[in-house]
Amino acid sequence: MKDLLDKFNQLSERERVLVVVSGLLLIVALFYYLIWAPIDNSLQTQSKLVATKQADLIWFKQNANRAIQMRSGNANASVFSGSLPQAVNQTAGRVKIAISRMQPQGEELKVWVDQAPFNDVVSWLQSMESLGIRIINVDLAEANVSGMVKVRSLQLGKS
């Protein structure tokens, strides 16, 4: 460090001013590129993410009544007496939902869907209930795309 200070003192007045100004500019540039810019980019990204999540929450709240109506409409359902996997495949095909996995469990059936639009899933569940298929349990999760959900587990049975 002493060597650098000696070299600095040996410089002419004009060179010392240039070294100090260059050092200050370097410090400002390092501060901007290493601290300020990453923080600013992160804040902008997080703000967009919050706005998207708020829009999703509003959309889910608006469509919650539709799910409640489907649940209360279950009392009017007819008795289903066909092949449960076949009926599930047919109703899913009508609303263009790709079933990723089905697992029969006695008189019940478990179904998984990787990703589907929420409205299509609700329509699919409603059409199965209208056939008389009983929805025992549904576990939905938000997908990476806005308005899309994953059906982590759907347990169906005959009424």
N, C-alpha and C. Protein backbone atom coordinates (compact mmCIF):
# COMPACT_ATOMS: atom_id res chain seq x y z
N MET A 1 0.82 -1.18 0.00
CA MET A 1 0.00 0.00 0.00
C MET A 1 0.87 1.26 0.00
N LYS A 2 2.00 1.20 0.75
CA LYS A 2 2.91 2.35 0.82
C LYS A 2 3.50 2.62 -0.55
N ASP A 3 3.79 1.53 -1.32
CA ASP A 3 4.35 1.70 -2.66
C ASP A 3 3.37 2.45 -3.56
N LEU A 4 2.10 2.10 -3.46
CA LEU A 4 1.09 2.79 -4.28
C LEU A 4 0.99 4.26 -3.89
N LEU A 5 1.05 4.54 -2.60
CA LEU A 5 0.97 5.92 -2.12
C LEU A 5 2.19 6.72 -2.58
N ASP A 6 3.34 6.10 -2.57
CA ASP A 6 4.55 6.78 -3.06
C ASP A 6 4.44 7.08 -4.55
N LYS A 7 3.97 6.10 -5.32
CA LYS A 7 3.80 6.32 -6.77
C LYS A 7 2.78 7.43 -7.02
N PHE A 8 1.71 7.44 -6.21
CA PHE A 8 0.69 8.48 -6.37
C PHE A 8 1.28 9.86 -6.09
N ASN A 9 2.09 9.97 -5.05
CA ASN A 9 2.71 11.25 -4.70
C ASN A 9 3.72 11.71 -5.73
N GLN A 10 4.30 10.79 -6.49
CA GLN A 10 5.28 11.14 -7.52
C GLN A 10 4.60 11.67 -8.78
N LEU A 11 3.32 11.48 -8.92
CA LEU A 11 2.60 11.95 -10.10
C LEU A 11 2.44 13.45 -10.07
N SER A 12 2.27 14.04 -11.26
CA SER A 12 2.03 15.48 -11.31
C SER A 12 0.61 15.77 -10.81
N GLU A 13 0.34 17.02 -10.53
CA GLU A 13 -0.97 17.43 -10.01
C GLU A 13 -2.10 17.00 -10.95
N ARG A 14 -1.89 17.21 -12.22
CA ARG A 14 -2.90 16.87 -13.22
C ARG A 14 -3.15 15.35 -13.24
N GLU A 15 -2.11 14.55 -13.16
CA GLU A 15 -2.25 13.09 -13.16
C GLU A 15 -2.96 12.61 -11.90
N ARG A 16 -2.68 13.24 -10.76
CA ARG A 16 -3.35 12.87 -9.51
C ARG A 16 -4.86 13.12 -9.61
N VAL A 17 -5.21 14.25 -10.18
CA VAL A 17 -6.64 14.56 -10.35
C VAL A 17 -7.30 13.52 -11.25
N LEU A 18 -6.62 13.14 -12.33
CA LEU A 18 -7.17 12.12 -13.23
C LEU A 18 -7.32 10.78 -12.52
N VAL A 19 -6.36 10.41 -11.71
CA VAL A 19 -6.43 9.15 -10.97
C VAL A 19 -7.59 9.18 -9.98
N VAL A 20 -7.77 10.27 -9.25
CA VAL A 20 -8.86 10.38 -8.28
C VAL A 20 -10.21 10.34 -8.98
N VAL A 21 -10.35 11.11 -10.07
CA VAL A 21 -11.63 11.14 -10.81
C VAL A 21 -11.91 9.76 -11.40
N SER A 22 -10.90 9.11 -11.95
CA SER A 22 -11.10 7.76 -12.52
C SER A 22 -11.50 6.78 -11.42
N GLY A 23 -10.87 6.89 -10.26
CA GLY A 23 -11.22 6.02 -9.14
C GLY A 23 -12.66 6.22 -8.70
N LEU A 24 -13.08 7.49 -8.62
CA LEU A 24 -14.47 7.77 -8.24
C LEU A 24 -15.45 7.22 -9.28
N LEU A 25 -15.13 7.40 -10.55
CA LEU A 25 -16.00 6.86 -11.60
C LEU A 25 -16.07 5.34 -11.54
N LEU A 26 -14.93 4.72 -11.24
CA LEU A 26 -14.90 3.27 -11.12
C LEU A 26 -15.76 2.82 -9.94
N ILE A 27 -15.68 3.51 -8.83
CA ILE A 27 -16.50 3.17 -7.66
C ILE A 27 -17.98 3.33 -7.97
N VAL A 28 -18.35 4.42 -8.64
CA VAL A 28 -19.75 4.64 -9.01
C VAL A 28 -20.23 3.55 -9.97
N ALA A 29 -19.41 3.20 -10.96
CA ALA A 29 -19.79 2.16 -11.93
C ALA A 29 -19.95 0.81 -11.23
N LEU A 30 -19.02 0.47 -10.34
CA LEU A 30 -19.12 -0.80 -9.62
C LEU A 30 -20.37 -0.83 -8.75
N PHE A 31 -20.67 0.28 -8.07
CA PHE A 31 -21.87 0.36 -7.25
C PHE A 31 -23.12 0.13 -8.11
N TYR A 32 -23.15 0.79 -9.27
CA TYR A 32 -24.33 0.66 -10.13
C TYR A 32 -24.48 -0.77 -10.64
N TYR A 33 -23.43 -1.34 -11.22
CA TYR A 33 -23.54 -2.65 -11.86
C TYR A 33 -23.58 -3.82 -10.88
N LEU A 34 -22.99 -3.67 -9.70
CA LEU A 34 -22.96 -4.78 -8.75
C LEU A 34 -24.05 -4.71 -7.69
N ILE A 35 -24.58 -3.51 -7.43
CA ILE A 35 -25.57 -3.38 -6.37
C ILE A 35 -26.90 -2.82 -6.89
N TRP A 36 -26.88 -1.65 -7.46
CA TRP A 36 -28.12 -0.97 -7.84
C TRP A 36 -28.90 -1.69 -8.93
N ALA A 37 -28.27 -2.03 -10.03
CA ALA A 37 -28.97 -2.66 -11.16
C ALA A 37 -29.59 -4.01 -10.78
N PRO A 38 -28.88 -4.92 -10.08
CA PRO A 38 -29.52 -6.18 -9.71
C PRO A 38 -30.72 -5.99 -8.77
N ILE A 39 -30.60 -5.06 -7.83
CA ILE A 39 -31.72 -4.80 -6.93
C ILE A 39 -32.90 -4.24 -7.69
N ASP A 40 -32.64 -3.31 -8.60
CA ASP A 40 -33.72 -2.70 -9.39
C ASP A 40 -34.40 -3.75 -10.27
N ASN A 41 -33.62 -4.60 -10.92
CA ASN A 41 -34.21 -5.67 -11.76
C ASN A 41 -35.04 -6.63 -10.92
N SER A 42 -34.54 -6.97 -9.76
CA SER A 42 -35.27 -7.87 -8.88
C SER A 42 -36.59 -7.26 -8.43
N LEU A 43 -36.57 -5.98 -8.09
CA LEU A 43 -37.80 -5.30 -7.68
C LEU A 43 -38.82 -5.27 -8.81
N GLN A 44 -38.37 -4.99 -10.02
CA GLN A 44 -39.30 -4.96 -11.15
C GLN A 44 -39.90 -6.35 -11.40
N THR A 45 -39.07 -7.38 -11.34
CA THR A 45 -39.55 -8.75 -11.55
C THR A 45 -40.56 -9.12 -10.47
N GLN A 46 -40.26 -8.81 -9.23
CA GLN A 46 -41.16 -9.16 -8.13
C GLN A 46 -42.47 -8.36 -8.22
N SER A 47 -42.40 -7.12 -8.67
CA SER A 47 -43.62 -6.32 -8.83
C SER A 47 -44.54 -6.94 -9.88
N LYS A 48 -43.95 -7.39 -10.98
CA LYS A 48 -44.75 -8.05 -12.02
C LYS A 48 -45.34 -9.35 -11.49
N LEU A 49 -44.57 -10.10 -10.72
CA LEU A 49 -45.04 -11.35 -10.16
C LEU A 49 -46.20 -11.12 -9.19
N VAL A 50 -46.09 -10.09 -8.37
CA VAL A 50 -47.17 -9.77 -7.43
C VAL A 50 -48.44 -9.39 -8.19
N ALA A 51 -48.29 -8.59 -9.24
CA ALA A 51 -49.45 -8.18 -10.03
C ALA A 51 -50.12 -9.41 -10.66
N THR A 52 -49.34 -10.34 -11.16
CA THR A 52 -49.89 -11.56 -11.76
C THR A 52 -50.62 -12.40 -10.72
N LYS A 53 -50.00 -12.55 -9.55
CA LYS A 53 -50.63 -13.34 -8.48
C LYS A 53 -51.92 -12.68 -7.99
N GLN A 54 -51.94 -11.36 -7.92
CA GLN A 54 -53.16 -10.66 -7.51
C GLN A 54 -54.27 -10.86 -8.54
N ALA A 55 -53.91 -10.82 -9.81
CA ALA A 55 -54.91 -11.05 -10.87
C ALA A 55 -55.44 -12.49 -10.78
N ASP A 56 -54.56 -13.44 -10.52
CA ASP A 56 -55.00 -14.83 -10.36
C ASP A 56 -55.93 -14.98 -9.17
N LEU A 57 -55.60 -14.32 -8.06
CA LEU A 57 -56.43 -14.40 -6.86
C LEU A 57 -57.82 -13.82 -7.13
N ILE A 58 -57.88 -12.70 -7.80
CA ILE A 58 -59.18 -12.09 -8.14
C ILE A 58 -59.99 -13.05 -9.01
N TRP A 59 -59.32 -13.66 -10.00
CA TRP A 59 -60.00 -14.57 -10.90
C TRP A 59 -60.53 -15.78 -10.13
N PHE A 60 -59.72 -16.35 -9.23
CA PHE A 60 -60.16 -17.50 -8.44
C PHE A 60 -61.32 -17.12 -7.53
N LYS A 61 -61.27 -15.94 -6.94
CA LYS A 61 -62.37 -15.50 -6.07
C LYS A 61 -63.66 -15.33 -6.87
N GLN A 62 -63.55 -14.81 -8.09
CA GLN A 62 -64.73 -14.63 -8.93
C GLN A 62 -65.34 -15.97 -9.34
N ASN A 63 -64.50 -16.99 -9.50
CA ASN A 63 -64.99 -18.29 -9.95
C ASN A 63 -65.26 -19.26 -8.81
N ALA A 64 -65.04 -18.84 -7.58
CA ALA A 64 -65.28 -19.71 -6.43
C ALA A 64 -66.76 -20.05 -6.30
N ASN A 65 -67.61 -19.08 -6.60
CA ASN A 65 -69.06 -19.34 -6.51
C ASN A 65 -69.49 -20.45 -7.45
N ARG A 66 -68.85 -20.52 -8.60
CA ARG A 66 -69.18 -21.57 -9.56
C ARG A 66 -68.85 -22.95 -8.98
N ALA A 67 -67.74 -23.06 -8.28
CA ALA A 67 -67.37 -24.33 -7.65
C ALA A 67 -68.34 -24.68 -6.53
N ILE A 68 -68.77 -23.68 -5.77
CA ILE A 68 -69.75 -23.91 -4.69
C ILE A 68 -71.07 -24.38 -5.27
N GLN A 69 -71.50 -23.78 -6.37
CA GLN A 69 -72.75 -24.18 -7.02
C GLN A 69 -72.66 -25.64 -7.49
N MET A 70 -71.47 -26.01 -8.01
CA MET A 70 -71.30 -27.39 -8.44
C MET A 70 -71.42 -28.34 -7.26
N ARG A 71 -70.85 -27.97 -6.14
CA ARG A 71 -70.88 -28.81 -4.95
C ARG A 71 -72.31 -28.96 -4.44
N SER A 72 -73.08 -27.86 -4.43
CA SER A 72 -74.45 -27.92 -3.93
C SER A 72 -75.38 -28.62 -4.93
N GLY A 73 -75.03 -28.62 -6.19
CA GLY A 73 -75.85 -29.28 -7.21
C GLY A 73 -75.70 -30.79 -7.19
N ASN A 74 -74.85 -31.31 -6.34
CA ASN A 74 -74.59 -32.75 -6.27
C ASN A 74 -75.82 -33.54 -5.81
N ALA A 75 -76.73 -32.91 -5.06
CA ALA A 75 -77.91 -33.61 -4.55
C ALA A 75 -78.85 -34.02 -5.69
N ASN A 76 -78.82 -33.29 -6.79
CA ASN A 76 -79.71 -33.58 -7.92
C ASN A 76 -79.13 -34.62 -8.88
N ALA A 77 -77.93 -35.11 -8.60
CA ALA A 77 -77.24 -35.97 -9.54
C ALA A 77 -77.93 -37.32 -9.66
N SER A 78 -77.82 -37.88 -10.85
CA SER A 78 -78.39 -39.21 -11.08
C SER A 78 -77.38 -40.26 -10.64
N VAL A 79 -77.82 -41.53 -10.65
CA VAL A 79 -76.95 -42.62 -10.23
C VAL A 79 -76.19 -43.11 -11.46
N PHE A 80 -74.87 -43.19 -11.36
CA PHE A 80 -74.03 -43.64 -12.47
C PHE A 80 -73.86 -45.14 -12.41
N SER A 81 -74.00 -45.80 -13.56
CA SER A 81 -73.91 -47.26 -13.56
C SER A 81 -73.02 -47.80 -14.69
N GLY A 82 -72.14 -46.97 -15.25
CA GLY A 82 -71.28 -47.43 -16.34
C GLY A 82 -69.85 -47.63 -15.89
N SER A 83 -68.95 -47.67 -16.86
CA SER A 83 -67.53 -47.81 -16.59
C SER A 83 -66.96 -46.44 -16.21
N LEU A 84 -66.45 -46.35 -15.01
CA LEU A 84 -65.94 -45.08 -14.51
C LEU A 84 -64.75 -44.57 -15.34
N PRO A 85 -63.74 -45.38 -15.63
CA PRO A 85 -62.62 -44.88 -16.45
C PRO A 85 -63.07 -44.42 -17.84
N GLN A 86 -64.00 -45.14 -18.43
CA GLN A 86 -64.48 -44.78 -19.76
C GLN A 86 -65.22 -43.44 -19.72
N ALA A 87 -66.07 -43.25 -18.72
CA ALA A 87 -66.81 -42.00 -18.60
C ALA A 87 -65.86 -40.83 -18.34
N VAL A 88 -64.84 -41.05 -17.52
CA VAL A 88 -63.87 -39.99 -17.23
C VAL A 88 -63.12 -39.62 -18.50
N ASN A 89 -62.68 -40.60 -19.26
CA ASN A 89 -61.98 -40.33 -20.52
C ASN A 89 -62.86 -39.57 -21.51
N GLN A 90 -64.12 -39.98 -21.63
CA GLN A 90 -65.02 -39.31 -22.57
C GLN A 90 -65.28 -37.86 -22.18
N THR A 91 -65.57 -37.64 -20.90
CA THR A 91 -65.86 -36.26 -20.46
C THR A 91 -64.61 -35.39 -20.55
N ALA A 92 -63.45 -35.95 -20.27
CA ALA A 92 -62.20 -35.19 -20.38
C ALA A 92 -61.92 -34.85 -21.84
N GLY A 93 -62.21 -35.77 -22.73
CA GLY A 93 -61.99 -35.53 -24.15
C GLY A 93 -62.87 -34.42 -24.69
N ARG A 94 -64.09 -34.31 -24.16
CA ARG A 94 -65.00 -33.25 -24.62
C ARG A 94 -64.48 -31.86 -24.30
N VAL A 95 -63.82 -31.71 -23.17
CA VAL A 95 -63.29 -30.38 -22.78
C VAL A 95 -61.79 -30.27 -23.03
N LYS A 96 -61.24 -31.25 -23.75
CA LYS A 96 -59.84 -31.26 -24.18
C LYS A 96 -58.87 -31.20 -23.00
N ILE A 97 -59.13 -32.04 -21.99
CA ILE A 97 -58.22 -32.18 -20.85
C ILE A 97 -57.44 -33.47 -21.04
N ALA A 98 -56.11 -33.37 -20.97
CA ALA A 98 -55.26 -34.55 -21.13
C ALA A 98 -54.99 -35.15 -19.75
N ILE A 99 -55.49 -36.35 -19.55
CA ILE A 99 -55.29 -37.05 -18.29
C ILE A 99 -53.90 -37.68 -18.31
N SER A 100 -53.11 -37.39 -17.28
CA SER A 100 -51.75 -37.93 -17.25
C SER A 100 -51.70 -39.32 -16.62
N ARG A 101 -52.63 -39.59 -15.69
CA ARG A 101 -52.60 -40.90 -15.03
C ARG A 101 -53.96 -41.20 -14.42
N MET A 102 -54.36 -42.48 -14.47
CA MET A 102 -55.58 -42.96 -13.81
C MET A 102 -55.23 -44.22 -13.03
N GLN A 103 -55.81 -44.33 -11.84
CA GLN A 103 -55.54 -45.51 -11.01
C GLN A 103 -56.84 -45.97 -10.37
N PRO A 104 -57.37 -47.12 -10.80
CA PRO A 104 -58.57 -47.65 -10.16
C PRO A 104 -58.26 -48.10 -8.73
N GLN A 105 -59.22 -47.86 -7.83
CA GLN A 105 -59.09 -48.29 -6.44
C GLN A 105 -60.44 -48.87 -6.01
N GLY A 106 -60.67 -50.10 -6.36
CA GLY A 106 -61.95 -50.74 -6.06
C GLY A 106 -63.05 -50.11 -6.90
N GLU A 107 -64.06 -49.55 -6.25
CA GLU A 107 -65.17 -48.88 -6.93
C GLU A 107 -64.85 -47.42 -7.21
N GLU A 108 -63.68 -46.98 -6.83
CA GLU A 108 -63.28 -45.58 -7.00
C GLU A 108 -62.16 -45.49 -8.03
N LEU A 109 -61.88 -44.25 -8.44
CA LEU A 109 -60.86 -43.99 -9.45
C LEU A 109 -60.11 -42.73 -9.06
N LYS A 110 -58.76 -42.79 -9.10
CA LYS A 110 -57.94 -41.60 -8.87
C LYS A 110 -57.41 -41.13 -10.21
N VAL A 111 -57.45 -39.81 -10.41
CA VAL A 111 -57.06 -39.22 -11.69
C VAL A 111 -56.08 -38.08 -11.42
N TRP A 112 -55.07 -37.94 -12.30
CA TRP A 112 -54.11 -36.85 -12.23
C TRP A 112 -54.05 -36.16 -13.59
N VAL A 113 -53.94 -34.82 -13.56
CA VAL A 113 -53.81 -34.02 -14.78
C VAL A 113 -52.65 -33.06 -14.56
N ASP A 114 -51.69 -33.04 -15.50
CA ASP A 114 -50.51 -32.19 -15.34
C ASP A 114 -50.84 -30.70 -15.41
N GLN A 115 -51.63 -30.30 -16.40
CA GLN A 115 -51.95 -28.88 -16.55
C GLN A 115 -53.19 -28.74 -17.42
N ALA A 116 -54.13 -27.90 -16.96
CA ALA A 116 -55.35 -27.65 -17.72
C ALA A 116 -55.92 -26.30 -17.31
N PRO A 117 -56.67 -25.64 -18.19
CA PRO A 117 -57.31 -24.38 -17.81
C PRO A 117 -58.33 -24.61 -16.70
N PHE A 118 -58.37 -23.70 -15.74
CA PHE A 118 -59.26 -23.85 -14.59
C PHE A 118 -60.71 -23.98 -15.02
N ASN A 119 -61.15 -23.15 -15.97
CA ASN A 119 -62.55 -23.21 -16.42
C ASN A 119 -62.88 -24.57 -17.02
N ASP A 120 -61.93 -25.15 -17.76
CA ASP A 120 -62.17 -26.47 -18.36
C ASP A 120 -62.27 -27.54 -17.28
N VAL A 121 -61.44 -27.43 -16.24
CA VAL A 121 -61.50 -28.40 -15.15
C VAL A 121 -62.84 -28.31 -14.45
N VAL A 122 -63.31 -27.09 -14.21
CA VAL A 122 -64.61 -26.92 -13.55
C VAL A 122 -65.73 -27.49 -14.42
N SER A 123 -65.68 -27.22 -15.73
CA SER A 123 -66.69 -27.78 -16.64
C SER A 123 -66.62 -29.30 -16.66
N TRP A 124 -65.44 -29.84 -16.64
CA TRP A 124 -65.24 -31.29 -16.64
C TRP A 124 -65.85 -31.91 -15.38
N LEU A 125 -65.55 -31.32 -14.23
CA LEU A 125 -66.11 -31.83 -12.97
C LEU A 125 -67.64 -31.73 -12.97
N GLN A 126 -68.15 -30.64 -13.50
CA GLN A 126 -69.59 -30.44 -13.55
C GLN A 126 -70.25 -31.48 -14.47
N SER A 127 -69.63 -31.77 -15.60
CA SER A 127 -70.21 -32.76 -16.51
C SER A 127 -70.18 -34.16 -15.90
N MET A 128 -69.12 -34.46 -15.13
CA MET A 128 -69.08 -35.78 -14.48
C MET A 128 -70.14 -35.88 -13.38
N GLU A 129 -70.35 -34.81 -12.64
CA GLU A 129 -71.39 -34.82 -11.61
C GLU A 129 -72.77 -34.97 -12.24
N SER A 130 -72.98 -34.34 -13.39
CA SER A 130 -74.29 -34.46 -14.04
C SER A 130 -74.55 -35.88 -14.53
N LEU A 131 -73.48 -36.65 -14.78
CA LEU A 131 -73.63 -38.06 -15.17
C LEU A 131 -73.92 -38.94 -13.96
N GLY A 132 -73.70 -38.41 -12.77
CA GLY A 132 -73.91 -39.20 -11.56
C GLY A 132 -72.60 -39.70 -10.95
N ILE A 133 -71.47 -39.20 -11.45
CA ILE A 133 -70.17 -39.57 -10.88
C ILE A 133 -69.94 -38.69 -9.66
N ARG A 134 -69.60 -39.33 -8.55
CA ARG A 134 -69.42 -38.61 -7.29
C ARG A 134 -67.96 -38.16 -7.19
N ILE A 135 -67.77 -36.87 -6.89
CA ILE A 135 -66.43 -36.32 -6.68
C ILE A 135 -66.16 -36.41 -5.18
N ILE A 136 -65.23 -37.30 -4.82
CA ILE A 136 -64.93 -37.54 -3.42
C ILE A 136 -63.92 -36.53 -2.89
N ASN A 137 -62.88 -36.29 -3.67
CA ASN A 137 -61.82 -35.38 -3.23
C ASN A 137 -61.14 -34.78 -4.44
N VAL A 138 -60.82 -33.48 -4.36
CA VAL A 138 -60.10 -32.80 -5.42
C VAL A 138 -58.96 -32.02 -4.79
N ASP A 139 -57.76 -32.18 -5.34
CA ASP A 139 -56.59 -31.42 -4.88
C ASP A 139 -56.02 -30.71 -6.09
N LEU A 140 -56.26 -29.39 -6.16
CA LEU A 140 -55.77 -28.57 -7.27
C LEU A 140 -54.59 -27.74 -6.80
N ALA A 141 -53.69 -27.46 -7.73
CA ALA A 141 -52.57 -26.57 -7.45
C ALA A 141 -52.41 -25.62 -8.63
N GLU A 142 -51.91 -24.46 -8.34
CA GLU A 142 -51.69 -23.46 -9.37
C GLU A 142 -50.54 -23.92 -10.26
N ALA A 143 -50.73 -23.81 -11.57
CA ALA A 143 -49.67 -24.16 -12.52
C ALA A 143 -48.81 -22.92 -12.77
N ASN A 144 -47.78 -23.08 -13.57
CA ASN A 144 -46.87 -21.98 -13.85
C ASN A 144 -47.49 -20.91 -14.73
N VAL A 145 -48.51 -21.26 -15.48
CA VAL A 145 -49.16 -20.33 -16.40
C VAL A 145 -50.43 -19.79 -15.75
N SER A 146 -50.69 -18.52 -15.92
CA SER A 146 -51.87 -17.88 -15.34
C SER A 146 -53.15 -18.53 -15.88
N GLY A 147 -54.07 -18.85 -14.97
CA GLY A 147 -55.35 -19.45 -15.35
C GLY A 147 -55.30 -20.96 -15.51
N MET A 148 -54.13 -21.55 -15.34
CA MET A 148 -53.97 -22.99 -15.49
C MET A 148 -53.80 -23.61 -14.10
N VAL A 149 -54.29 -24.83 -13.95
CA VAL A 149 -54.15 -25.56 -12.69
C VAL A 149 -53.65 -26.97 -12.96
N LYS A 150 -53.08 -27.56 -11.91
CA LYS A 150 -52.69 -28.97 -11.94
C LYS A 150 -53.68 -29.71 -11.07
N VAL A 151 -54.17 -30.82 -11.54
CA VAL A 151 -55.02 -31.67 -10.71
C VAL A 151 -54.08 -32.68 -10.08
N ARG A 152 -53.68 -32.38 -8.83
CA ARG A 152 -52.73 -33.27 -8.15
C ARG A 152 -53.37 -34.59 -7.76
N SER A 153 -54.66 -34.52 -7.46
CA SER A 153 -55.37 -35.75 -7.11
C SER A 153 -56.86 -35.49 -7.24
N LEU A 154 -57.54 -36.34 -7.98
CA LEU A 154 -58.99 -36.27 -8.13
C LEU A 154 -59.51 -37.67 -7.86
N GLN A 155 -60.29 -37.80 -6.80
CA GLN A 155 -60.84 -39.10 -6.43
C GLN A 155 -62.32 -39.12 -6.77
N LEU A 156 -62.70 -40.09 -7.60
CA LEU A 156 -64.06 -40.19 -8.10
C LEU A 156 -64.67 -41.53 -7.68
N GLY A 157 -65.98 -41.54 -7.58
CA GLY A 157 -66.69 -42.77 -7.26
C GLY A 157 -68.07 -42.77 -7.89
N LYS A 158 -68.73 -43.89 -7.84
CA LYS A 158 -70.10 -43.99 -8.36
C LYS A 158 -71.05 -43.55 -7.28
N SER A 159 -72.12 -42.85 -7.69
CA SER A 159 -73.11 -42.36 -6.71
C SER A 159 -73.94 -43.49 -6.17
